[in-house]
Amino acid sequence: MPFDCEPPKVRVEAVRVVDMNASNSWAQFAALFRETRQAHLQHERAKAELKVLLPEDAKEAIGHGIRAKRSKSGAVSFDLVEGASHAPLQ
């Protein structure tokens, strides 16, 4: 066995439907999923709109408490800028 590691597990075909109503953990995370769904959609829309606004020749953009960075492959990532002041929306 190379490198003394375990072989990959065989993937089991998913074939059944399971009722998770008896699981408190499932209930907790299902509620969290439902509560944050709209915020997630707004977050994804904001990222898409910010990417459109980023000039094609910009490596980095900073403003209103966020920083956008473009990687060498062209992917854009966003970070919060701690302690940054930003102008209120008008």
Protein backbone atom coordinates (compact mmCIF):
# COMPACT_ATOMS: atom_id res chain seq x y z
CA MET A 1 0.00 0.00 0.00
CA PRO A 2 1.67 3.27 -1.03
CA PHE A 3 2.25 5.85 1.68
CA ASP A 4 0.50 3.66 4.25
CA CYS A 5 -2.96 5.16 3.60
CA GLU A 6 -6.41 3.65 3.33
CA PRO A 7 -7.97 3.05 -0.08
CA PRO A 8 -10.88 5.34 -0.98
CA LYS A 9 -14.29 4.22 0.24
CA VAL A 10 -16.68 2.85 -2.32
CA ARG A 11 -19.51 5.29 -2.95
CA VAL A 12 -22.90 3.90 -1.97
CA GLU A 13 -25.75 4.70 -4.33
CA ALA A 14 -28.36 6.89 -2.62
CA VAL A 15 -31.69 5.07 -2.96
CA ARG A 16 -33.94 5.99 -0.02
CA VAL A 17 -35.95 8.92 1.29
CA VAL A 18 -35.47 9.62 5.00
CA ASP A 19 -37.86 11.51 7.31
CA MET A 20 -35.71 13.78 9.50
CA ASN A 21 -38.60 15.30 11.53
CA ALA A 22 -37.47 13.49 14.70
CA SER A 23 -34.00 15.09 14.61
CA ASN A 24 -33.54 18.19 16.77
CA SER A 25 -30.26 19.01 15.03
CA TRP A 26 -31.96 18.82 11.64
CA ALA A 27 -34.72 21.12 12.92
CA GLN A 28 -32.19 23.63 14.22
CA PHE A 29 -30.19 23.81 11.00
CA ALA A 30 -33.31 23.73 8.83
CA ALA A 31 -34.60 26.80 10.68
CA LEU A 32 -31.25 28.54 10.25
CA PHE A 33 -31.27 27.66 6.53
CA ARG A 34 -34.78 29.11 6.10
CA GLU A 35 -33.98 32.25 8.12
CA THR A 36 -30.80 33.07 6.20
CA ARG A 37 -31.95 32.11 2.68
CA GLN A 38 -33.01 35.64 1.66
CA ALA A 39 -29.82 37.18 3.05
CA HIS A 40 -27.77 34.63 1.11
CA LEU A 41 -29.56 35.50 -2.14
CA GLN A 42 -28.99 39.22 -1.51
CA HIS A 43 -25.32 38.54 -0.73
CA GLU A 44 -24.82 36.62 -3.98
CA ARG A 45 -26.58 39.37 -5.97
CA ALA A 46 -24.40 42.03 -4.36
CA LYS A 47 -21.22 40.11 -5.25
CA ALA A 48 -22.37 39.73 -8.86
CA GLU A 49 -23.20 43.44 -9.15
CA LEU A 50 -19.88 44.47 -7.54
CA LYS A 51 -17.98 42.28 -10.01
CA VAL A 52 -19.72 44.06 -12.89
CA LEU A 53 -18.73 47.44 -11.43
CA LEU A 54 -15.07 46.47 -11.02
CA PRO A 55 -13.07 47.86 -13.96
CA GLU A 56 -11.49 45.10 -16.06
CA ASP A 57 -7.99 46.49 -15.58
CA ALA A 58 -8.30 46.79 -11.78
CA LYS A 59 -6.28 44.39 -9.66
CA GLU A 60 -7.88 45.70 -6.45
CA ALA A 61 -10.67 48.06 -5.46
CA ILE A 62 -11.47 49.42 -2.02
CA GLY A 63 -14.48 51.38 -0.81
CA HIS A 64 -17.42 51.48 1.60
CA GLY A 65 -15.87 48.90 3.91
CA ILE A 66 -15.02 46.18 1.38
CA ARG A 67 -12.03 45.24 -0.75
CA ALA A 68 -12.26 43.41 -4.08
CA LYS A 69 -9.19 41.57 -5.34
CA ARG A 70 -8.70 40.06 -8.78
CA SER A 71 -6.47 36.98 -8.97
CA LYS A 72 -4.10 36.30 -11.85
CA SER A 73 -6.71 33.90 -13.26
CA GLY A 74 -9.31 36.68 -13.21
CA ALA A 75 -11.40 35.45 -10.26
CA VAL A 76 -12.68 38.24 -7.99
CA SER A 77 -12.86 37.83 -4.22
CA PHE A 78 -14.23 40.18 -1.58
CA ASP A 79 -13.13 40.93 1.99
CA LEU A 80 -14.42 43.22 4.70
CA VAL A 81 -12.06 46.06 5.58
CA GLU A 82 -12.03 46.32 9.36
CA GLY A 83 -12.15 49.80 10.84
CA ALA A 84 -12.94 51.40 7.49
CA SER A 85 -15.34 54.30 7.47
CA HIS A 86 -17.81 54.47 4.67
CA ALA A 87 -20.11 57.17 3.43
CA PRO A 88 -23.82 56.66 4.09
CA LEU A 89 -25.99 55.77 1.11
CA GLN A 90 -28.04 58.61 -0.32
